[in-house]
Amino acid sequence: MTTALRNRTVLVVGRGSGIARAVGDAALREGARVIAAGRNRAALQESYRRTAATVATVDVTDEASIRALAAEAGGVDHVVCAASARARGTVAEMEADAILKSFHTKVVGPVMLAKHLAPAMPEDGSFVLLSGVAALEPDPGFLAVAATNGAVNTVVRSLAVELAPIRVNAVSPGTIDTGAWDALGEHGKAEFFGRLSATNPTRRIGTPEDVAHAVLFALTNTFLTGVTLPVDGGQPLV
């Protein structure tokens, strides 16, 4: 354990599982006070009930909800936004509402979090947003995901300048073994993961903990800002 996050308040926005939960757990192990916030308060309470984390409600697509969270949380030291809304599908299959929801959740929402939370944050505070490998790896069916994640990578650069000295970074996961792929079915998921594991340079699929380690690095490295850290096993290289 380091001391960089000890007794600091880390707000983690997202679900009570997958990457968001891994980040929350990692921050707790480092001695941070963790506030887990998301739309489903009951699910978060159940997920974190055996931990020291506190739970709050927020809908990142609703600025009033974000404003209320900022008032409830008071001053926080660090913010991690892992909220997402999937918008997969080919051009022929896509609907505008799904694209807009994805963009609003991963791009507009974090900007509004910065708007309402940054004024009460210390100068050594930081934001970490979640991007994704799709921004660097065009693939049929992932156009909206790629566009959204590409926008996140741009937002962190602009926010890093505007909010300075508060730091702003992104972590860009590759294919991570979370519930996001369960819709493929057990056989389809195993086949997909097997194919990727056989070709990417690390020869495995990522875990939420892999991403959480990178998020904590971004939270605690005080000379890091305006960058997107890839945690993708080298997936875009092949």
Protein backbone atom coordinates (compact mmCIF):
# COMPACT_ATOMS: atom_id res chain seq x y z
CA MET A 1 0.00 0.00 0.00
CA THR A 2 1.20 3.52 -0.81
CA THR A 3 0.05 6.61 1.05
CA ALA A 4 -1.05 8.70 -1.94
CA LEU A 5 -4.75 7.84 -1.57
CA ARG A 6 -4.87 7.27 2.18
CA ASN A 7 -7.74 9.31 3.66
CA ARG A 8 -8.45 10.90 0.28
CA THR A 9 -11.97 10.72 -1.15
CA VAL A 10 -12.36 8.89 -4.46
CA LEU A 11 -15.69 9.07 -6.29
CA VAL A 12 -16.21 6.09 -8.59
CA VAL A 13 -19.11 6.47 -11.04
CA GLY A 14 -20.39 3.29 -12.66
CA ARG A 15 -21.94 -0.06 -11.92
CA GLY A 16 -21.29 -2.15 -8.85
CA SER A 17 -19.41 -4.74 -10.91
CA GLY A 18 -16.71 -5.07 -13.53
CA ILE A 19 -14.17 -2.28 -13.93
CA ALA A 20 -15.95 0.21 -11.66
CA ARG A 21 -16.07 -2.27 -8.78
CA ALA A 22 -12.43 -3.27 -9.31
CA VAL A 23 -11.43 0.40 -9.11
CA GLY A 24 -13.48 0.90 -5.96
CA ASP A 25 -11.91 -2.14 -4.31
CA ALA A 26 -8.39 -1.08 -5.31
CA ALA A 27 -8.91 2.43 -3.92
CA LEU A 28 -10.27 1.01 -0.65
CA ARG A 29 -7.18 -1.18 -0.30
CA GLU A 30 -5.06 1.94 -0.67
CA GLY A 31 -6.85 3.54 2.28
CA ALA A 32 -9.12 5.87 0.33
CA ARG A 33 -12.62 6.87 1.29
CA VAL A 34 -14.70 5.60 -1.63
CA ILE A 35 -18.05 6.92 -2.81
CA ALA A 36 -19.64 4.57 -5.35
CA ALA A 37 -22.25 6.36 -7.44
CA GLY A 38 -24.58 5.13 -10.16
CA ARG A 39 -28.18 4.99 -11.29
CA ASN A 40 -29.07 1.81 -9.42
CA ARG A 41 -28.49 2.69 -5.77
CA ALA A 42 -29.94 -0.60 -4.48
CA ALA A 43 -27.57 -2.64 -6.65
CA LEU A 44 -24.61 -0.58 -5.49
CA GLN A 45 -25.61 -0.98 -1.84
CA GLU A 46 -25.79 -4.73 -2.29
CA SER A 47 -22.48 -4.86 -4.13
CA TYR A 48 -20.57 -2.78 -1.57
CA ARG A 49 -22.41 -3.84 1.61
CA ARG A 50 -19.40 -5.71 3.03
CA THR A 51 -17.01 -2.82 2.37
CA ALA A 52 -16.35 0.62 3.85
CA ALA A 53 -17.58 2.38 0.71
CA THR A 54 -20.53 4.74 0.80
CA VAL A 55 -23.13 4.78 -1.96
CA ALA A 56 -24.74 7.66 -3.86
CA THR A 57 -27.13 8.02 -6.77
CA VAL A 58 -26.31 9.72 -10.06
CA ASP A 59 -27.44 9.60 -13.67
CA VAL A 60 -24.62 11.04 -15.77
CA THR A 61 -27.04 11.85 -18.59
CA ASP A 62 -28.91 14.24 -16.27
CA GLU A 63 -27.07 17.42 -15.26
CA ALA A 64 -29.46 18.04 -12.36
CA SER A 65 -28.57 14.62 -10.98
CA ILE A 66 -24.87 15.42 -11.26
CA ARG A 67 -25.40 18.75 -9.53
CA ALA A 68 -27.20 16.96 -6.69
CA LEU A 69 -24.37 14.42 -6.37
CA ALA A 70 -21.81 17.22 -6.13
CA ALA A 71 -23.81 18.84 -3.33
CA GLU A 72 -24.22 15.50 -1.51
CA ALA A 73 -20.59 14.44 -1.84
CA GLY A 74 -19.09 17.78 -0.87
CA GLY A 75 -15.44 18.06 -1.81
CA VAL A 76 -13.84 14.97 -3.32
CA ASP A 77 -10.18 14.50 -4.20
CA HIS A 78 -10.45 12.22 -7.22
CA VAL A 79 -13.17 11.22 -9.69
CA VAL A 80 -13.23 8.06 -11.80
CA CYS A 81 -16.00 7.80 -14.39
CA ALA A 82 -16.55 4.27 -15.66
CA ALA A 83 -20.15 4.80 -16.77
CA SER A 84 -20.99 3.49 -20.24
CA ALA A 85 -23.90 2.78 -22.55
CA ARG A 86 -23.36 0.21 -25.27
CA ALA A 87 -24.09 1.19 -28.85
CA ARG A 88 -22.84 -1.75 -30.88
CA GLY A 89 -24.02 -2.59 -34.36
CA THR A 90 -23.22 -1.98 -38.00
CA VAL A 91 -24.24 1.22 -39.73
CA ALA A 92 -27.34 -0.49 -41.11
CA GLU A 93 -28.36 -1.57 -37.60
CA MET A 94 -27.59 1.58 -35.63
CA GLU A 95 -30.24 3.92 -34.26
CA ALA A 96 -29.54 7.57 -33.51
CA ASP A 97 -30.87 7.34 -29.96
CA ALA A 98 -28.40 4.59 -29.06
CA ILE A 99 -25.47 6.58 -30.45
CA LEU A 100 -26.54 9.72 -28.60
CA LYS A 101 -27.01 7.82 -25.34
CA SER A 102 -23.52 6.35 -25.63
CA PHE A 103 -22.02 9.77 -26.34
CA HIS A 104 -23.99 11.45 -23.58
CA THR A 105 -22.95 8.82 -21.04
CA LYS A 106 -19.21 8.64 -21.79
CA VAL A 107 -18.50 12.15 -23.08
CA VAL A 108 -21.08 14.74 -22.01
CA GLY A 109 -21.58 13.14 -18.59
CA PRO A 110 -17.90 13.32 -17.58
CA VAL A 111 -17.73 16.94 -18.78
CA MET A 112 -20.68 17.75 -16.51
CA LEU A 113 -19.00 15.89 -13.64
CA ALA A 114 -15.98 18.13 -14.15
CA LYS A 115 -18.21 21.22 -14.29
CA HIS A 116 -19.88 20.51 -10.95
CA LEU A 117 -17.14 18.69 -9.00
CA ALA A 118 -13.91 20.42 -10.02
CA PRO A 119 -14.66 23.75 -8.27
CA ALA A 120 -14.56 22.03 -4.86
CA MET A 121 -11.57 19.78 -5.60
CA PRO A 122 -8.02 20.41 -4.35
CA GLU A 123 -5.28 21.42 -6.75
CA ASP A 124 -3.72 17.96 -6.50
CA GLY A 125 -7.01 16.26 -7.39
CA SER A 126 -7.66 14.36 -10.60
CA PHE A 127 -10.18 12.88 -12.97
CA VAL A 128 -9.81 9.55 -14.75
CA LEU A 129 -12.20 8.70 -17.58
CA LEU A 130 -12.60 5.34 -19.31
CA SER A 131 -12.00 5.25 -23.05
CA GLY A 132 -11.52 2.04 -25.05
CA VAL A 133 -9.48 0.22 -27.64
CA ALA A 134 -12.18 0.62 -30.29
CA ALA A 135 -11.00 4.21 -30.81
CA LEU A 136 -7.77 2.82 -32.30
CA GLU A 137 -9.04 -0.36 -33.93
CA PRO A 138 -11.82 0.14 -36.51
CA ASP A 139 -14.00 -2.95 -36.58
CA PRO A 140 -17.43 -3.57 -38.14
CA GLY A 141 -20.15 -3.23 -35.53
CA PHE A 142 -18.15 -0.87 -33.30
CA LEU A 143 -18.42 2.43 -35.16
CA ALA A 144 -20.39 4.24 -32.42
CA VAL A 145 -18.17 2.76 -29.71
CA ALA A 146 -15.07 3.94 -31.57
CA ALA A 147 -16.44 7.44 -32.09
CA THR A 148 -17.42 7.77 -28.43
CA ASN A 149 -14.09 6.52 -27.12
CA GLY A 150 -12.20 8.73 -29.55
CA ALA A 151 -14.12 11.70 -28.16
CA VAL A 152 -13.16 10.71 -24.61
CA ASN A 153 -9.48 10.75 -25.62
CA THR A 154 -9.92 14.29 -26.93
CA VAL A 155 -11.90 15.50 -23.91
CA VAL A 156 -9.16 14.54 -21.44
CA ARG A 157 -6.63 16.67 -23.30
CA SER A 158 -8.86 19.72 -23.28
CA LEU A 159 -9.97 19.26 -19.66
CA ALA A 160 -6.37 18.78 -18.55
CA VAL A 161 -5.57 22.26 -19.86
CA GLU A 162 -8.75 23.94 -18.66
CA LEU A 163 -8.83 22.44 -15.15
CA ALA A 164 -5.08 22.64 -14.45
CA PRO A 165 -3.50 22.01 -12.02
CA ILE A 166 -6.20 19.38 -11.45
CA ARG A 167 -5.07 16.46 -13.59
CA VAL A 168 -7.25 14.70 -16.16
CA ASN A 169 -6.39 11.38 -17.82
CA ALA A 170 -8.07 8.43 -19.47
CA VAL A 171 -7.48 4.70 -19.32
CA SER A 172 -8.27 2.79 -22.51
CA PRO A 173 -9.04 -0.88 -21.87
CA GLY A 174 -8.84 -3.56 -24.51
CA THR A 175 -11.08 -6.61 -24.35
CA ILE A 176 -11.76 -7.18 -20.66
CA ASP A 177 -13.53 -10.18 -19.13
CA THR A 178 -16.59 -8.47 -17.69
CA GLY A 179 -20.31 -9.04 -18.11
CA ALA A 180 -20.20 -6.88 -21.23
CA TRP A 181 -19.57 -9.98 -23.34
CA ASP A 182 -22.08 -12.34 -21.73
CA ALA A 183 -24.62 -11.59 -24.45
CA LEU A 184 -22.50 -13.69 -26.81
CA GLY A 185 -23.48 -16.78 -24.85
CA GLU A 186 -21.05 -19.13 -23.14
CA HIS A 187 -19.84 -20.75 -26.37
CA GLY A 188 -19.65 -17.50 -28.33
CA LYS A 189 -17.79 -15.72 -25.54
CA ALA A 190 -15.28 -18.57 -25.19
CA GLU A 191 -14.69 -18.61 -28.93
CA PHE A 192 -14.25 -14.83 -29.09
CA PHE A 193 -11.89 -14.74 -26.13
CA GLY A 194 -9.95 -17.69 -27.48
CA ARG A 195 -9.43 -16.00 -30.84
CA LEU A 196 -8.21 -12.76 -29.26
CA SER A 197 -5.99 -14.54 -26.76
CA ALA A 198 -4.28 -16.41 -29.58
CA THR A 199 -3.40 -13.23 -31.47
CA ASN A 200 -2.73 -10.37 -29.06
CA PRO A 201 0.86 -9.99 -27.81
CA THR A 202 0.05 -10.80 -24.16
CA ARG A 203 -1.78 -14.00 -25.17
CA ARG A 204 -4.63 -13.47 -22.73
CA ILE A 205 -7.80 -11.49 -22.10
CA GLY A 206 -7.64 -8.58 -19.67
CA THR A 207 -9.24 -8.48 -16.25
CA PRO A 208 -10.98 -5.63 -14.42
CA GLU A 209 -8.04 -5.64 -12.01
CA ASP A 210 -5.63 -4.91 -14.89
CA VAL A 211 -7.61 -1.76 -15.63
CA ALA A 212 -7.93 -0.82 -11.96
CA HIS A 213 -4.15 -0.92 -11.55
CA ALA A 214 -3.81 1.59 -14.40
CA VAL A 215 -6.53 3.82 -12.95
CA LEU A 216 -4.73 3.96 -9.60
CA PHE A 217 -1.50 4.84 -11.40
CA ALA A 218 -3.29 7.71 -13.14
CA LEU A 219 -4.81 8.87 -9.85
CA THR A 220 -1.51 8.92 -7.98
CA ASN A 221 1.13 9.96 -10.52
CA THR A 222 1.21 13.71 -9.99
CA PHE A 223 3.19 14.39 -13.18
CA LEU A 224 0.71 12.68 -15.50
CA THR A 225 -2.06 14.63 -17.21
CA GLY A 226 -3.83 14.86 -20.55
CA VAL A 227 -2.92 11.34 -21.64
CA THR A 228 -4.74 8.12 -22.47
CA LEU A 229 -3.13 5.00 -21.02
CA PRO A 230 -3.74 1.87 -23.12
CA VAL A 231 -4.35 -1.30 -21.11
CA ASP A 232 -5.16 -3.53 -24.05
CA GLY A 233 -2.62 -6.33 -24.22
CA GLY A 234 -1.26 -4.85 -27.43
CA GLN A 235 -4.56 -5.61 -29.21
CA PRO A 236 -4.26 -2.77 -31.77
CA LEU A 237 -0.83 -4.02 -32.85
CA VAL A 238 -2.11 -7.10 -34.66
